[in-house]
Amino acid sequence: MVVLGTLVTAFARSLKVFLLGRTITGVGGAGCLNVAIILVLELVSEKRRGLLLGMLNTCFTVGVAFGAVVAGALAPRLGWVCMSGAC
C-alpha cells in the first residue's frame, strides 16, 4: 500500500487526489510497522524479543522525529511535487 499511495501522490493533479495518496501511504506505513512487530513476536526467541522490539521502535521514533524536519528543510529547495516522487 505504501507504493500505491506514493504513486497516487506522485501523479496527483488535484489536492483531493494528493491527500488520498498520502492517506493510502499512511495506512500502508502503519501496516508495515504492525507486520514487523508481529514477525518479531512470532519468529524471535523470548530472550531476544525485547532487544529487537526496542530497536524497531527506536527506528520508528527517529523516523517520526526527524522526518518532518528533513522534509521541511528540503521542501523549499525541491518543492512538494519533487518530494512526492513526481519529478
Protein backbone atom coordinates (compact mmCIF):
# COMPACT_ATOMS: atom_id res chain seq x y z
CA MET A 1 0.00 0.00 0.00
CA VAL A 2 2.93 2.32 0.57
CA VAL A 3 4.00 2.05 -3.06
CA LEU A 4 0.43 2.50 -4.31
CA GLY A 5 -0.05 5.58 -2.13
CA THR A 6 3.25 7.03 -3.30
CA LEU A 7 2.27 6.55 -6.94
CA VAL A 8 -1.13 8.16 -6.38
CA THR A 9 0.58 11.09 -4.64
CA ALA A 10 3.25 11.44 -7.33
CA PHE A 11 0.76 11.67 -10.18
CA ALA A 12 -1.91 13.68 -8.38
CA ARG A 13 -3.33 16.59 -10.33
CA SER A 14 -5.55 17.91 -7.55
CA LEU A 15 -5.32 18.38 -3.82
CA LYS A 16 -8.01 15.76 -3.19
CA VAL A 17 -6.11 13.07 -5.07
CA PHE A 18 -2.86 14.14 -3.39
CA LEU A 19 -4.44 13.79 0.06
CA LEU A 20 -5.92 10.43 -0.92
CA GLY A 21 -2.45 9.23 -1.89
CA ARG A 22 -0.98 10.44 1.39
CA THR A 23 -3.77 8.67 3.29
CA ILE A 24 -3.09 5.40 1.48
CA THR A 25 0.64 5.78 2.19
CA GLY A 26 -0.06 6.41 5.88
CA VAL A 27 -2.27 3.36 6.21
CA GLY A 28 0.36 1.26 4.45
CA GLY A 29 3.10 2.60 6.72
CA ALA A 30 1.09 1.76 9.81
CA GLY A 31 0.54 -1.72 8.43
CA CYS A 32 4.29 -2.16 7.86
CA LEU A 33 5.04 -1.37 11.50
CA ASN A 34 2.37 -3.77 12.73
CA VAL A 35 3.59 -6.57 10.48
CA ALA A 36 7.17 -6.02 11.64
CA ILE A 37 6.10 -6.26 15.29
CA ILE A 38 4.10 -9.43 14.61
CA LEU A 39 7.05 -11.00 12.80
CA VAL A 40 9.38 -10.26 15.71
CA LEU A 41 6.89 -11.70 18.18
CA GLU A 42 6.41 -14.86 16.13
CA LEU A 43 9.92 -15.56 14.87
CA VAL A 44 12.30 -14.37 17.59
CA SER A 45 13.01 -16.16 20.84
CA GLU A 46 11.76 -14.59 24.04
CA LYS A 47 15.32 -13.86 25.11
CA ARG A 48 15.99 -11.52 22.13
CA ARG A 49 12.49 -10.15 21.65
CA GLY A 50 12.89 -7.12 23.89
CA LEU A 51 16.09 -6.02 22.18
CA LEU A 52 14.63 -6.30 18.69
CA LEU A 53 11.37 -4.59 19.60
CA GLY A 54 13.39 -1.78 21.19
CA MET A 55 15.48 -1.40 18.04
CA LEU A 56 12.35 -1.42 15.88
CA ASN A 57 10.66 1.23 18.00
CA THR A 58 13.84 3.33 18.04
CA CYS A 59 13.95 3.33 14.24
CA PHE A 60 10.28 4.27 14.07
CA THR A 61 10.71 7.07 16.61
CA VAL A 62 13.75 8.52 14.85
CA GLY A 63 11.84 8.49 11.56
CA VAL A 64 8.85 10.25 13.08
CA ALA A 65 11.01 12.78 14.93
CA PHE A 66 13.33 13.75 12.09
CA GLY A 67 11.22 13.03 9.01
CA ALA A 68 9.21 16.23 9.26
CA VAL A 69 12.32 18.30 9.99
CA VAL A 70 14.19 16.93 6.98
CA ALA A 71 11.14 17.32 4.74
CA GLY A 72 10.69 20.89 5.95
CA ALA A 73 14.31 21.67 5.12
CA LEU A 74 14.11 20.09 1.66
CA ALA A 75 10.68 21.41 0.61
CA PRO A 76 11.78 24.98 -0.17
CA ARG A 77 14.62 23.67 -2.35
CA LEU A 78 12.88 20.79 -4.12
CA GLY A 79 9.20 21.64 -3.86
CA TRP A 80 6.50 19.26 -2.68
CA VAL A 81 6.00 17.86 -6.19
CA CYS A 82 9.58 16.52 -6.34
CA MET A 83 9.42 15.29 -2.76
CA SER A 84 6.36 13.18 -3.59
CA GLY A 85 8.25 11.49 -6.44
CA ALA A 86 6.78 13.25 -9.48
CA CYS A 87 9.98 14.78 -10.89
